[in-house]
């Protein structure tokens, strides 16, 4: 098995508490110091400056790397037609903006999006930190993904026409500095595509028990504690709302073109399509984000 990539300079901005946990004293988005605890039970904090929500204390980078490189999840993963169709729906949002060019998929998983975009005539490359995913991408599609963290990607500045992060941004230890670094790789007027989980309180509108709940209870309903005991789990370090996602993207030098919802369903159907259309319309026209995931498209200034 290929070793995880080396630990990055992220470690210089945190204080290790033990082998599994580290503590932050600054916001991982804007790196401001106006941070406060929102939930002691689930280790949820927020930033008064950029409104970002984040976990603190949180898993160490070494713990995260081992989590994604072990456990056999990617080694056993077998994409099916539903998986392929979901990714075709996603990349259709990319091809609506871009007709050709070089696209980078950051943390590309087993490389499905890279494979489909290359088949559509794009030059698409991808990065990953999971050695298992890199091996599986080679087995499934003959793709060689670069093993790299976002802030150490080896690409010339201004070389990308587009950059994608599909449910990746919430995993980055310092998404603000990562995006500022990645923005230098994108050409002027190039495109950024991001999908993340949605932690807006609008998601709780269908649950009356939370209508009069405290802010802390609402946050705890949306953001669970990190499951340190699991061999493989999706570890979300950052918890975006529509406003904080827009803030971090605009501060990195982008103009937001679309902020709507991400349809990640593997089982679409007439009723789900109608619900998706309604929720997307509410997001676009009423700023009401009731869906579980957000989609953002932005253009480099």
C-alpha atoms as a PDB file:
ATOM      1  CA  UNK A   1       0.000   0.000   0.000  1.00  0.00           C
ATOM      2  CA  UNK A   2       1.253   3.465  -0.887  1.00  0.00           C
ATOM      3  CA  UNK A   3       2.032   5.577   2.174  1.00  0.00           C
ATOM      4  CA  UNK A   4      -0.130   8.650   2.879  1.00  0.00           C
ATOM      5  CA  UNK A   5       1.345  11.940   1.646  1.00  0.00           C
ATOM      6  CA  UNK A   6       3.598  13.707   4.155  1.00  0.00           C
ATOM      7  CA  UNK A   7       2.037  15.894   6.826  1.00  0.00           C
ATOM      8  CA  UNK A   8       1.744  19.482   5.617  1.00  0.00           C
ATOM      9  CA  UNK A   9       2.350  22.931   7.153  1.00  0.00           C
ATOM     10  CA  UNK A  10      -1.203  22.779   8.543  1.00  0.00           C
ATOM     11  CA  UNK A  11       0.423  21.341  11.664  1.00  0.00           C
ATOM     12  CA  UNK A  12       2.097  24.686  12.329  1.00  0.00           C
ATOM     13  CA  UNK A  13      -1.307  26.306  12.917  1.00  0.00           C
ATOM     14  CA  UNK A  14      -2.687  23.892  15.505  1.00  0.00           C
ATOM     15  CA  UNK A  15      -1.871  22.533  18.955  1.00  0.00           C
ATOM     16  CA  UNK A  16      -1.832  18.751  19.269  1.00  0.00           C
ATOM     17  CA  UNK A  17      -3.772  17.488  22.288  1.00  0.00           C
ATOM     18  CA  UNK A  18      -3.006  13.786  21.728  1.00  0.00           C
ATOM     19  CA  UNK A  19      -2.534  11.348  18.823  1.00  0.00           C
ATOM     20  CA  UNK A  20      -6.096  11.865  17.615  1.00  0.00           C
ATOM     21  CA  UNK A  21      -7.041  15.462  18.404  1.00  0.00           C
ATOM     22  CA  UNK A  22      -5.736  18.958  17.779  1.00  0.00           C
ATOM     23  CA  UNK A  23      -7.003  22.376  18.864  1.00  0.00           C
ATOM     24  CA  UNK A  24      -7.451  25.604  16.911  1.00  0.00           C
ATOM     25  CA  UNK A  25      -6.985  29.120  18.217  1.00  0.00           C
ATOM     26  CA  UNK A  26      -7.858  30.844  14.930  1.00  0.00           C
ATOM     27  CA  UNK A  27     -10.627  30.496  12.364  1.00  0.00           C
ATOM     28  CA  UNK A  28      -9.691  27.891   9.716  1.00  0.00           C
ATOM     29  CA  UNK A  29     -11.396  30.028   7.076  1.00  0.00           C
ATOM     30  CA  UNK A  30     -10.278  33.646   7.463  1.00  0.00           C
ATOM     31  CA  UNK A  31      -7.670  32.880  10.189  1.00  0.00           C
ATOM     32  CA  UNK A  32      -9.195  35.542  12.403  1.00  0.00           C
ATOM     33  CA  UNK A  33      -9.135  35.287  16.194  1.00  0.00           C
ATOM     34  CA  UNK A  34     -12.778  36.142  16.945  1.00  0.00           C
ATOM     35  CA  UNK A  35     -13.913  32.566  17.490  1.00  0.00           C
ATOM     36  CA  UNK A  36     -16.314  31.180  20.086  1.00  0.00           C
ATOM     37  CA  UNK A  37     -17.664  27.844  21.208  1.00  0.00           C
ATOM     38  CA  UNK A  38     -21.239  27.067  20.141  1.00  0.00           C
ATOM     39  CA  UNK A  39     -21.552  23.483  21.435  1.00  0.00           C
ATOM     40  CA  UNK A  40     -19.349  21.744  23.982  1.00  0.00           C
ATOM     41  CA  UNK A  41     -21.064  18.409  23.326  1.00  0.00           C
ATOM     42  CA  UNK A  42     -20.276  18.324  19.592  1.00  0.00           C
ATOM     43  CA  UNK A  43     -17.210  20.612  19.619  1.00  0.00           C
ATOM     44  CA  UNK A  44     -18.822  23.187  17.325  1.00  0.00           C
ATOM     45  CA  UNK A  45     -17.243  26.646  17.083  1.00  0.00           C
ATOM     46  CA  UNK A  46     -17.939  29.690  14.933  1.00  0.00           C
ATOM     47  CA  UNK A  47     -16.105  32.753  13.647  1.00  0.00           C
ATOM     48  CA  UNK A  48     -17.604  36.188  14.283  1.00  0.00           C
ATOM     49  CA  UNK A  49     -15.748  37.647  11.283  1.00  0.00           C
ATOM     50  CA  UNK A  50     -16.591  35.258   8.406  1.00  0.00           C
ATOM     51  CA  UNK A  51     -19.455  33.300  10.064  1.00  0.00           C
ATOM     52  CA  UNK A  52     -17.786  29.943   9.434  1.00  0.00           C
ATOM     53  CA  UNK A  53     -18.745  26.951  11.601  1.00  0.00           C
ATOM     54  CA  UNK A  54     -16.047  24.396  12.386  1.00  0.00           C
ATOM     55  CA  UNK A  55     -15.128  21.498  14.659  1.00  0.00           C
ATOM     56  CA  UNK A  56     -12.694  22.300  17.468  1.00  0.00           C
ATOM     57  CA  UNK A  57     -10.964  20.273  18.842  1.00  0.00           C
ATOM     58  CA  UNK A  58     -10.840  18.152  15.729  1.00  0.00           C
ATOM     59  CA  UNK A  59      -9.016  15.090  14.358  1.00  0.00           C
ATOM     60  CA  UNK A  60      -5.323  15.480  13.602  1.00  0.00           C
ATOM     61  CA  UNK A  61      -4.176  15.432  10.013  1.00  0.00           C
ATOM     62  CA  UNK A  62      -2.365  12.141  10.615  1.00  0.00           C
ATOM     63  CA  UNK A  63      -5.547  10.565  11.999  1.00  0.00           C
ATOM     64  CA  UNK A  64      -7.479  11.777   8.940  1.00  0.00           C
ATOM     65  CA  UNK A  65      -4.870  10.465   6.487  1.00  0.00           C
ATOM     66  CA  UNK A  66      -4.911   7.047   8.120  1.00  0.00           C
ATOM     67  CA  UNK A  67      -8.724   7.081   8.165  1.00  0.00           C
ATOM     68  CA  UNK A  68      -8.925   7.547   4.383  1.00  0.00           C
ATOM     69  CA  UNK A  69      -5.987   5.290   3.471  1.00  0.00           C
ATOM     70  CA  UNK A  70      -7.080   2.278   5.517  1.00  0.00           C
ATOM     71  CA  UNK A  71     -10.224   0.256   6.124  1.00  0.00           C
ATOM     72  CA  UNK A  72     -10.771  -1.066   2.613  1.00  0.00           C
ATOM     73  CA  UNK A  73     -13.651   1.257   1.668  1.00  0.00           C
ATOM     74  CA  UNK A  74     -12.195   2.384  -1.659  1.00  0.00           C
ATOM     75  CA  UNK A  75     -10.524  -0.967  -2.337  1.00  0.00           C
ATOM     76  CA  UNK A  76     -13.951  -2.637  -2.343  1.00  0.00           C
ATOM     77  CA  UNK A  77     -15.854   0.148  -4.079  1.00  0.00           C
ATOM     78  CA  UNK A  78     -17.599  -0.899  -7.288  1.00  0.00           C
ATOM     79  CA  UNK A  79     -19.347   1.893  -9.217  1.00  0.00           C
ATOM     80  CA  UNK A  80     -22.613   0.954 -10.917  1.00  0.00           C
ATOM     81  CA  UNK A  81     -24.849   2.658 -13.483  1.00  0.00           C
ATOM     82  CA  UNK A  82     -26.621   4.718 -10.810  1.00  0.00           C
ATOM     83  CA  UNK A  83     -23.232   6.024  -9.683  1.00  0.00           C
ATOM     84  CA  UNK A  84     -22.307   6.883 -13.277  1.00  0.00           C
ATOM     85  CA  UNK A  85     -25.604   8.684 -13.891  1.00  0.00           C
ATOM     86  CA  UNK A  86     -25.206  10.736 -10.709  1.00  0.00           C
ATOM     87  CA  UNK A  87     -21.799  11.925 -11.888  1.00  0.00           C
ATOM     88  CA  UNK A  88     -23.127  12.679 -15.363  1.00  0.00           C
ATOM     89  CA  UNK A  89     -25.747  14.937 -13.742  1.00  0.00           C
ATOM     90  CA  UNK A  90     -23.026  16.671 -11.772  1.00  0.00           C
ATOM     91  CA  UNK A  91     -20.623  17.252 -14.627  1.00  0.00           C
ATOM     92  CA  UNK A  92     -23.475  18.583 -16.768  1.00  0.00           C
ATOM     93  CA  UNK A  93     -23.321  21.615 -14.466  1.00  0.00           C
ATOM     94  CA  UNK A  94     -19.654  21.965 -15.385  1.00  0.00           C
ATOM     95  CA  UNK A  95     -20.160  21.597 -19.137  1.00  0.00           C
ATOM     96  CA  UNK A  96     -22.900  24.244 -19.042  1.00  0.00           C
ATOM     97  CA  UNK A  97     -20.141  26.732 -18.190  1.00  0.00           C
ATOM     98  CA  UNK A  98     -17.117  25.187 -19.908  1.00  0.00           C
ATOM     99  CA  UNK A  99     -16.933  23.682 -23.394  1.00  0.00           C
ATOM    100  CA  UNK A 100     -13.267  22.666 -23.324  1.00  0.00           C
ATOM    101  CA  UNK A 101     -10.041  23.094 -21.391  1.00  0.00           C
ATOM    102  CA  UNK A 102      -8.096  21.751 -18.428  1.00  0.00           C
ATOM    103  CA  UNK A 103     -10.088  20.875 -15.310  1.00  0.00           C
ATOM    104  CA  UNK A 104      -8.717  19.662 -11.983  1.00  0.00           C
ATOM    105  CA  UNK A 105     -10.807  17.489  -9.668  1.00  0.00           C
ATOM    106  CA  UNK A 106      -9.483  17.941  -6.124  1.00  0.00           C
ATOM    107  CA  UNK A 107      -9.863  14.775  -4.016  1.00  0.00           C
ATOM    108  CA  UNK A 108     -11.264  12.844  -6.946  1.00  0.00           C
ATOM    109  CA  UNK A 109     -12.119   9.640  -5.066  1.00  0.00           C
ATOM    110  CA  UNK A 110     -11.982   6.701  -7.477  1.00  0.00           C
ATOM    111  CA  UNK A 111     -11.786   9.115 -10.429  1.00  0.00           C
ATOM    112  CA  UNK A 112     -15.260   8.795 -11.959  1.00  0.00           C
ATOM    113  CA  UNK A 113     -15.622  12.509 -12.770  1.00  0.00           C
ATOM    114  CA  UNK A 114     -12.090  12.625 -14.209  1.00  0.00           C
ATOM    115  CA  UNK A 115     -12.886   9.625 -16.415  1.00  0.00           C
ATOM    116  CA  UNK A 116     -16.197  11.070 -17.676  1.00  0.00           C
ATOM    117  CA  UNK A 117     -14.782  14.518 -18.436  1.00  0.00           C
ATOM    118  CA  UNK A 118     -11.825  13.063 -20.322  1.00  0.00           C
ATOM    119  CA  UNK A 119     -14.275  10.944 -22.320  1.00  0.00           C
ATOM    120  CA  UNK A 120     -16.181  14.156 -23.119  1.00  0.00           C
ATOM    121  CA  UNK A 121     -13.074  15.732 -24.650  1.00  0.00           C
ATOM    122  CA  UNK A 122     -11.737  17.744 -21.701  1.00  0.00           C
ATOM    123  CA  UNK A 123      -8.255  17.494 -20.268  1.00  0.00           C
ATOM    124  CA  UNK A 124      -9.110  16.464 -16.713  1.00  0.00           C
ATOM    125  CA  UNK A 125      -6.713  15.457 -13.954  1.00  0.00           C
ATOM    126  CA  UNK A 126      -7.275  14.665 -10.297  1.00  0.00           C
ATOM    127  CA  UNK A 127      -5.691  14.557  -6.868  1.00  0.00           C
ATOM    128  CA  UNK A 128      -6.307  12.344  -3.842  1.00  0.00           C
ATOM    129  CA  UNK A 129      -4.831  11.685  -0.405  1.00  0.00           C
ATOM    130  CA  UNK A 130      -6.173   8.134  -0.151  1.00  0.00           C
ATOM    131  CA  UNK A 131      -3.744   5.543  -1.466  1.00  0.00           C
ATOM    132  CA  UNK A 132      -6.616   3.069  -1.730  1.00  0.00           C
ATOM    133  CA  UNK A 133      -8.618   5.448  -3.925  1.00  0.00           C
ATOM    134  CA  UNK A 134      -5.594   6.094  -6.156  1.00  0.00           C
ATOM    135  CA  UNK A 135      -5.098   2.366  -6.664  1.00  0.00           C
ATOM    136  CA  UNK A 136      -8.805   1.847  -7.355  1.00  0.00           C
ATOM    137  CA  UNK A 137      -8.904   4.695  -9.919  1.00  0.00           C
ATOM    138  CA  UNK A 138      -6.079   2.996 -11.797  1.00  0.00           C
ATOM    139  CA  UNK A 139      -7.884  -0.350 -11.690  1.00  0.00           C
ATOM    140  CA  UNK A 140     -11.284   1.023 -12.748  1.00  0.00           C
ATOM    141  CA  UNK A 141     -10.393   3.661 -15.321  1.00  0.00           C
ATOM    142  CA  UNK A 142      -6.640   3.503 -15.957  1.00  0.00           C
ATOM    143  CA  UNK A 143      -6.316   6.941 -14.337  1.00  0.00           C
ATOM    144  CA  UNK A 144      -3.205   8.084 -12.459  1.00  0.00           C
ATOM    145  CA  UNK A 145      -4.291  10.492  -9.734  1.00  0.00           C
ATOM    146  CA  UNK A 146      -1.717  12.727  -8.064  1.00  0.00           C
ATOM    147  CA  UNK A 147      -1.322  11.974  -4.356  1.00  0.00           C
ATOM    148  CA  UNK A 148      -1.373  15.446  -2.890  1.00  0.00           C
ATOM    149  CA  UNK A 149      -3.019  17.776  -0.429  1.00  0.00           C
ATOM    150  CA  UNK A 150      -4.647  20.854  -2.007  1.00  0.00           C
ATOM    151  CA  UNK A 151      -1.925  23.254  -0.865  1.00  0.00           C
ATOM    152  CA  UNK A 152       0.858  21.183  -2.433  1.00  0.00           C
ATOM    153  CA  UNK A 153      -0.608  20.491  -5.882  1.00  0.00           C
ATOM    154  CA  UNK A 154       2.112  20.607  -8.540  1.00  0.00           C
ATOM    155  CA  UNK A 155       0.589  22.713 -11.319  1.00  0.00           C
ATOM    156  CA  UNK A 156       1.703  25.982 -12.925  1.00  0.00           C
ATOM    157  CA  UNK A 157      -0.148  29.132 -11.957  1.00  0.00           C
ATOM    158  CA  UNK A 158      -2.946  30.197 -14.317  1.00  0.00           C
ATOM    159  CA  UNK A 159      -3.027  26.760 -15.976  1.00  0.00           C
ATOM    160  CA  UNK A 160      -6.589  25.646 -15.177  1.00  0.00           C
ATOM    161  CA  UNK A 161      -9.820  26.527 -16.936  1.00  0.00           C
ATOM    162  CA  UNK A 162     -11.833  24.937 -14.147  1.00  0.00           C
ATOM    163  CA  UNK A 163     -11.446  23.432 -10.697  1.00  0.00           C
ATOM    164  CA  UNK A 164     -13.900  21.078  -8.984  1.00  0.00           C
ATOM    165  CA  UNK A 165     -14.326  20.131  -5.338  1.00  0.00           C
ATOM    166  CA  UNK A 166     -17.304  17.780  -4.943  1.00  0.00           C
ATOM    167  CA  UNK A 167     -17.912  17.364  -1.207  1.00  0.00           C
ATOM    168  CA  UNK A 168     -14.253  18.006  -0.474  1.00  0.00           C
ATOM    169  CA  UNK A 169     -14.168  21.579   0.835  1.00  0.00           C
ATOM    170  CA  UNK A 170     -15.696  20.580   4.185  1.00  0.00           C
ATOM    171  CA  UNK A 171     -12.823  18.131   4.763  1.00  0.00           C
ATOM    172  CA  UNK A 172      -9.997  20.668   4.379  1.00  0.00           C
ATOM    173  CA  UNK A 173      -8.249  21.716   7.611  1.00  0.00           C
ATOM    174  CA  UNK A 174      -7.804  25.321   6.408  1.00  0.00           C
ATOM    175  CA  UNK A 175     -10.184  25.836   3.475  1.00  0.00           C
ATOM    176  CA  UNK A 176      -9.505  29.570   3.255  1.00  0.00           C
ATOM    177  CA  UNK A 177      -5.771  29.272   2.638  1.00  0.00           C
ATOM    178  CA  UNK A 178      -6.308  26.181   0.466  1.00  0.00           C
ATOM    179  CA  UNK A 179      -8.691  28.078  -1.804  1.00  0.00           C
ATOM    180  CA  UNK A 180      -6.393  31.093  -2.004  1.00  0.00           C
ATOM    181  CA  UNK A 181      -3.576  28.760  -3.103  1.00  0.00           C
ATOM    182  CA  UNK A 182      -5.786  26.936  -5.613  1.00  0.00           C
ATOM    183  CA  UNK A 183      -7.145  30.203  -7.033  1.00  0.00           C
ATOM    184  CA  UNK A 184      -3.648  31.008  -8.311  1.00  0.00           C
ATOM    185  CA  UNK A 185      -3.807  27.860 -10.451  1.00  0.00           C
ATOM    186  CA  UNK A 186      -6.960  29.064 -12.227  1.00  0.00           C
ATOM    187  CA  UNK A 187      -6.888  31.371 -15.240  1.00  0.00           C
ATOM    188  CA  UNK A 188      -8.663  34.715 -15.119  1.00  0.00           C
ATOM    189  CA  UNK A 189     -12.354  34.079 -15.866  1.00  0.00           C
ATOM    190  CA  UNK A 190     -11.840  30.378 -15.116  1.00  0.00           C
ATOM    191  CA  UNK A 191     -14.488  28.527 -13.121  1.00  0.00           C
ATOM    192  CA  UNK A 192     -14.742  27.062  -9.643  1.00  0.00           C
ATOM    193  CA  UNK A 193     -17.300  24.337  -8.851  1.00  0.00           C
ATOM    194  CA  UNK A 194     -17.936  23.366  -5.222  1.00  0.00           C
ATOM    195  CA  UNK A 195     -20.497  21.123  -3.524  1.00  0.00           C
ATOM    196  CA  UNK A 196     -20.684  20.855   0.272  1.00  0.00           C
ATOM    197  CA  UNK A 197     -23.151  19.705   2.941  1.00  0.00           C
ATOM    198  CA  UNK A 198     -25.651  22.398   3.887  1.00  0.00           C
ATOM    199  CA  UNK A 199     -25.812  23.430   7.543  1.00  0.00           C
ATOM    200  CA  UNK A 200     -28.397  26.163   7.163  1.00  0.00           C
ATOM    201  CA  UNK A 201     -31.173  26.161   9.762  1.00  0.00           C
ATOM    202  CA  UNK A 202     -33.563  26.045   6.782  1.00  0.00           C
ATOM    203  CA  UNK A 203     -32.914  22.295   6.713  1.00  0.00           C
ATOM    204  CA  UNK A 204     -34.843  21.987   9.990  1.00  0.00           C
ATOM    205  CA  UNK A 205     -38.036  23.632   8.713  1.00  0.00           C
ATOM    206  CA  UNK A 206     -39.645  20.236   8.144  1.00  0.00           C
ATOM    207  CA  UNK A 207     -38.991  19.260  11.789  1.00  0.00           C
ATOM    208  CA  UNK A 208     -41.351  21.241  14.072  1.00  0.00           C
ATOM    209  CA  UNK A 209     -39.542  20.097  17.230  1.00  0.00           C
ATOM    210  CA  UNK A 210     -36.650  22.408  16.289  1.00  0.00           C
ATOM    211  CA  UNK A 211     -38.687  25.515  15.438  1.00  0.00           C
ATOM    212  CA  UNK A 212     -38.387  26.927  18.961  1.00  0.00           C
ATOM    213  CA  UNK A 213     -35.124  25.177  19.843  1.00  0.00           C
ATOM    214  CA  UNK A 214     -32.027  27.115  20.875  1.00  0.00           C
ATOM    215  CA  UNK A 215     -29.280  27.867  18.379  1.00  0.00           C
ATOM    216  CA  UNK A 216     -27.080  25.290  20.117  1.00  0.00           C
ATOM    217  CA  UNK A 217     -29.694  22.526  19.777  1.00  0.00           C
ATOM    218  CA  UNK A 218     -30.192  23.362  16.107  1.00  0.00           C
ATOM    219  CA  UNK A 219     -26.470  23.224  15.442  1.00  0.00           C
ATOM    220  CA  UNK A 220     -26.164  19.905  17.246  1.00  0.00           C
ATOM    221  CA  UNK A 221     -29.020  18.511  15.129  1.00  0.00           C
ATOM    222  CA  UNK A 222     -27.171  19.475  11.964  1.00  0.00           C
ATOM    223  CA  UNK A 223     -23.553  18.785  12.986  1.00  0.00           C
ATOM    224  CA  UNK A 224     -22.775  15.494  14.757  1.00  0.00           C
ATOM    225  CA  UNK A 225     -19.693  14.806  16.842  1.00  0.00           C
ATOM    226  CA  UNK A 226     -16.716  13.188  15.060  1.00  0.00           C
ATOM    227  CA  UNK A 227     -16.916   9.346  15.233  1.00  0.00           C
ATOM    228  CA  UNK A 228     -13.329   8.663  16.290  1.00  0.00           C
ATOM    229  CA  UNK A 229     -14.099   4.989  16.906  1.00  0.00           C
ATOM    230  CA  UNK A 230     -14.873   4.143  13.267  1.00  0.00           C
ATOM    231  CA  UNK A 231     -12.248   2.628  10.962  1.00  0.00           C
ATOM    232  CA  UNK A 232     -13.466   4.656   7.975  1.00  0.00           C
ATOM    233  CA  UNK A 233     -15.811   7.618   8.207  1.00  0.00           C
ATOM    234  CA  UNK A 234     -16.538  10.883   6.447  1.00  0.00           C
ATOM    235  CA  UNK A 235     -14.814  13.453   8.650  1.00  0.00           C
ATOM    236  CA  UNK A 236     -16.264  16.943   8.201  1.00  0.00           C
ATOM    237  CA  UNK A 237     -14.061  19.618   9.773  1.00  0.00           C
ATOM    238  CA  UNK A 238     -15.921  22.620   8.344  1.00  0.00           C
ATOM    239  CA  UNK A 239     -19.694  23.144   8.330  1.00  0.00           C
ATOM    240  CA  UNK A 240     -20.848  25.577   5.666  1.00  0.00           C
ATOM    241  CA  UNK A 241     -23.967  27.666   5.435  1.00  0.00           C
ATOM    242  CA  UNK A 242     -24.814  29.495   2.179  1.00  0.00           C
ATOM    243  CA  UNK A 243     -23.518  32.759   3.637  1.00  0.00           C
ATOM    244  CA  UNK A 244     -20.199  31.401   4.939  1.00  0.00           C
ATOM    245  CA  UNK A 245     -19.580  29.499   1.687  1.00  0.00           C
ATOM    246  CA  UNK A 246     -20.124  32.665  -0.323  1.00  0.00           C
ATOM    247  CA  UNK A 247     -17.892  34.648   2.065  1.00  0.00           C
ATOM    248  CA  UNK A 248     -14.925  32.305   1.788  1.00  0.00           C
ATOM    249  CA  UNK A 249     -15.165  32.016  -2.005  1.00  0.00           C
ATOM    250  CA  UNK A 250     -15.471  35.756  -2.601  1.00  0.00           C
ATOM    251  CA  UNK A 251     -12.576  36.518  -0.242  1.00  0.00           C
ATOM    252  CA  UNK A 252     -10.356  34.241  -2.379  1.00  0.00           C
ATOM    253  CA  UNK A 253     -10.941  36.379  -5.471  1.00  0.00           C
ATOM    254  CA  UNK A 254     -14.020  34.873  -7.124  1.00  0.00           C
ATOM    255  CA  UNK A 255     -17.396  36.198  -8.266  1.00  0.00           C
ATOM    256  CA  UNK A 256     -20.242  33.850  -7.352  1.00  0.00           C
ATOM    257  CA  UNK A 257     -22.384  33.038 -10.393  1.00  0.00           C
ATOM    258  CA  UNK A 258     -24.680  30.455  -8.816  1.00  0.00           C
ATOM    259  CA  UNK A 259     -25.427  29.326  -5.284  1.00  0.00           C
ATOM    260  CA  UNK A 260     -28.102  26.651  -5.296  1.00  0.00           C
ATOM    261  CA  UNK A 261     -28.386  23.005  -4.230  1.00  0.00           C
ATOM    262  CA  UNK A 262     -26.528  19.828  -5.166  1.00  0.00           C
ATOM    263  CA  UNK A 263     -28.690  16.895  -6.212  1.00  0.00           C
ATOM    264  CA  UNK A 264     -26.619  13.968  -4.943  1.00  0.00           C
ATOM    265  CA  UNK A 265     -29.370  11.352  -5.147  1.00  0.00           C
ATOM    266  CA  UNK A 266     -28.395   7.954  -6.526  1.00  0.00           C
ATOM    267  CA  UNK A 267     -32.065   7.149  -7.060  1.00  0.00           C
ATOM    268  CA  UNK A 268     -33.733  10.029  -8.918  1.00  0.00           C
ATOM    269  CA  UNK A 269     -37.345   9.740  -9.982  1.00  0.00           C
ATOM    270  CA  UNK A 270     -40.312  11.943 -10.930  1.00  0.00           C
ATOM    271  CA  UNK A 271     -41.167  12.937  -7.341  1.00  0.00           C
ATOM    272  CA  UNK A 272     -37.521  13.481  -6.367  1.00  0.00           C
ATOM    273  CA  UNK A 273     -36.989  15.544  -9.514  1.00  0.00           C
ATOM    274  CA  UNK A 274     -39.969  17.740  -8.615  1.00  0.00           C
ATOM    275  CA  UNK A 275     -38.717  18.193  -5.041  1.00  0.00           C
ATOM    276  CA  UNK A 276     -35.253  19.044  -6.367  1.00  0.00           C
ATOM    277  CA  UNK A 277     -36.715  21.641  -8.765  1.00  0.00           C
ATOM    278  CA  UNK A 278     -38.778  23.228  -5.969  1.00  0.00           C
ATOM    279  CA  UNK A 279     -35.851  23.341  -3.536  1.00  0.00           C
ATOM    280  CA  UNK A 280     -33.514  24.695  -6.203  1.00  0.00           C
ATOM    281  CA  UNK A 281     -36.024  27.415  -7.100  1.00  0.00           C
ATOM    282  CA  UNK A 282     -36.428  28.380  -3.435  1.00  0.00           C
ATOM    283  CA  UNK A 283     -32.639  28.530  -3.056  1.00  0.00           C
ATOM    284  CA  UNK A 284     -32.098  30.645  -6.168  1.00  0.00           C
ATOM    285  CA  UNK A 285     -35.028  33.043  -5.808  1.00  0.00           C
ATOM    286  CA  UNK A 286     -35.883  33.130  -2.085  1.00  0.00           C
ATOM    287  CA  UNK A 287     -32.517  32.336  -0.446  1.00  0.00           C
ATOM    288  CA  UNK A 288     -34.185  29.427   1.336  1.00  0.00           C
ATOM    289  CA  UNK A 289     -31.828  26.446   1.372  1.00  0.00           C
ATOM    290  CA  UNK A 290     -33.771  23.459   2.683  1.00  0.00           C
ATOM    291  CA  UNK A 291     -31.763  20.741   0.905  1.00  0.00           C
ATOM    292  CA  UNK A 292     -28.951  18.702   2.483  1.00  0.00           C
ATOM    293  CA  UNK A 293     -26.252  19.909   0.072  1.00  0.00           C
ATOM    294  CA  UNK A 294     -25.181  23.157  -1.586  1.00  0.00           C
ATOM    295  CA  UNK A 295     -23.749  23.782  -5.056  1.00  0.00           C
ATOM    296  CA  UNK A 296     -21.681  26.842  -5.949  1.00  0.00           C
ATOM    297  CA  UNK A 297     -20.239  28.015  -9.237  1.00  0.00           C
ATOM    298  CA  UNK A 298     -17.901  31.016  -9.254  1.00  0.00           C
ATOM    299  CA  UNK A 299     -15.626  32.775 -11.738  1.00  0.00           C
ATOM    300  CA  UNK A 300     -12.070  33.927 -11.103  1.00  0.00           C
ATOM    301  CA  UNK A 301     -11.713  37.699 -11.146  1.00  0.00           C
END
